[in-house]
Structure formats: structure tokens, C-alpha cells
């Protein structure tokens, strides 16, 4: 099982925590480019306008909130990436 596959399995596991660096690695492996915005705003772009993911970096910790995980999963499913 590759690192990408392990990260995807962890993202899909509702019980497992998922960190910001893990999300950046996973989306990078799926072809998304990480674009820093103002403050904690970040966009992940894979070249398609409908496929842009807009998020805020979690702070003060690195752990993603459950609703952010759900949004990312729904976005990836809608795009046919998972």
C-alpha cells in the first residue's frame, strides 16, 4: 500500500484524525497545487475551475475538523478522484 493509499484510507476513516500536512500531501499526490492566500486561507487547484478547494488552515493545532474532512471527501468524490 503506497503512502497516497494510506493517506486516502485514513481520510475516509471517520474515527481517525487527519492533519493539515497529511491533507497537503494527499491533495498534492492527486494533482492539486497548494496556493497560499491571505491569513490562513489556502486554495488547492488542479487546473479546473470547478475543482478548486478553498479551506482555512487549522489553528492553533494541525488537526482538521470533521466538517472539513467531509467537505474534502465530498469534493474528491464529486470529481471522480475517489
Protein backbone atom coordinates (compact mmCIF):
# COMPACT_ATOMS: atom_id res chain seq x y z
CA UNK A 1 0.00 0.00 0.00
CA UNK A 2 1.52 3.32 -1.09
CA UNK A 3 1.67 6.43 1.08
CA UNK A 4 -1.12 8.00 -1.02
CA UNK A 5 -3.34 4.96 -0.49
CA UNK A 6 -2.67 5.00 3.25
CA UNK A 7 -3.48 8.71 3.49
CA UNK A 8 -6.68 8.24 1.49
CA UNK A 9 -7.75 5.34 3.73
CA UNK A 10 -7.05 7.49 6.80
CA UNK A 11 -9.06 10.39 5.35
CA UNK A 12 -12.02 8.09 4.68
CA UNK A 13 -11.86 6.61 8.21
CA UNK A 14 -14.31 8.70 10.24
CA UNK A 15 -12.63 7.76 13.53
CA UNK A 16 -9.07 8.67 12.55
CA UNK A 17 -7.73 12.18 12.96
CA UNK A 18 -6.24 13.84 9.89
CA UNK A 19 -3.66 16.61 9.96
CA UNK A 20 -3.06 19.57 7.67
CA UNK A 21 0.33 18.27 6.42
CA UNK A 22 -1.31 14.94 5.55
CA UNK A 23 -4.01 16.76 3.58
CA UNK A 24 -1.43 18.82 1.67
CA UNK A 25 0.49 15.62 0.82
CA UNK A 26 -2.65 13.75 -0.26
CA UNK A 27 -4.01 16.54 -2.45
CA UNK A 28 -0.56 17.15 -3.95
CA UNK A 29 -0.42 13.49 -4.94
CA UNK A 30 -3.83 13.85 -6.60
CA UNK A 31 -2.56 16.71 -8.77
CA UNK A 32 -3.64 19.71 -6.70
CA UNK A 33 -1.44 22.78 -6.36
CA UNK A 34 -1.27 24.47 -2.93
CA UNK A 35 -1.88 28.26 -3.17
CA UNK A 36 -1.44 30.41 -0.06
CA UNK A 37 -3.93 33.24 0.39
CA UNK A 38 -4.35 35.97 2.99
CA UNK A 39 -4.08 34.85 6.60
CA UNK A 40 -4.91 31.18 6.94
CA UNK A 41 -6.74 30.91 3.61
CA UNK A 42 -5.49 28.25 1.22
CA UNK A 43 -6.70 27.09 -2.19
CA UNK A 44 -5.98 23.75 -3.78
CA UNK A 45 -6.20 23.95 -7.56
CA UNK A 46 -5.91 21.13 -10.09
CA UNK A 47 -6.47 23.27 -13.18
CA UNK A 48 -10.25 23.02 -13.37
CA UNK A 49 -12.32 25.95 -12.03
CA UNK A 50 -14.98 23.64 -10.60
CA UNK A 51 -12.33 21.53 -8.88
CA UNK A 52 -10.86 24.24 -6.65
CA UNK A 53 -10.94 23.54 -2.91
CA UNK A 54 -10.98 26.59 -0.59
CA UNK A 55 -10.01 25.96 3.03
CA UNK A 56 -8.59 27.64 6.10
CA UNK A 57 -5.54 26.15 7.78
CA UNK A 58 -6.48 24.83 11.20
CA UNK A 59 -5.03 26.80 14.06
CA UNK A 60 -3.66 26.73 16.66
CA UNK A 61 -3.27 22.96 16.02
CA UNK A 62 -2.85 20.90 12.85
CA UNK A 63 -5.88 18.62 13.23
CA UNK A 64 -8.65 19.03 10.63
CA UNK A 65 -12.21 19.48 11.86
CA UNK A 66 -14.70 16.74 10.95
CA UNK A 67 -16.68 19.07 8.66
CA UNK A 68 -13.51 19.91 6.69
CA UNK A 69 -12.79 16.20 6.19
CA UNK A 70 -16.37 15.71 4.96
CA UNK A 71 -16.07 18.63 2.53
CA UNK A 72 -12.81 17.31 1.08
CA UNK A 73 -14.22 13.78 0.74
CA UNK A 74 -17.38 15.07 -0.98
CA UNK A 75 -15.29 17.22 -3.33
CA UNK A 76 -13.00 14.34 -4.28
CA UNK A 77 -15.97 12.01 -4.83
CA UNK A 78 -17.74 14.60 -7.00
CA UNK A 79 -14.59 14.95 -9.09
CA UNK A 80 -14.27 11.18 -9.50
CA UNK A 81 -10.92 11.09 -7.72
CA UNK A 82 -12.09 8.59 -5.09
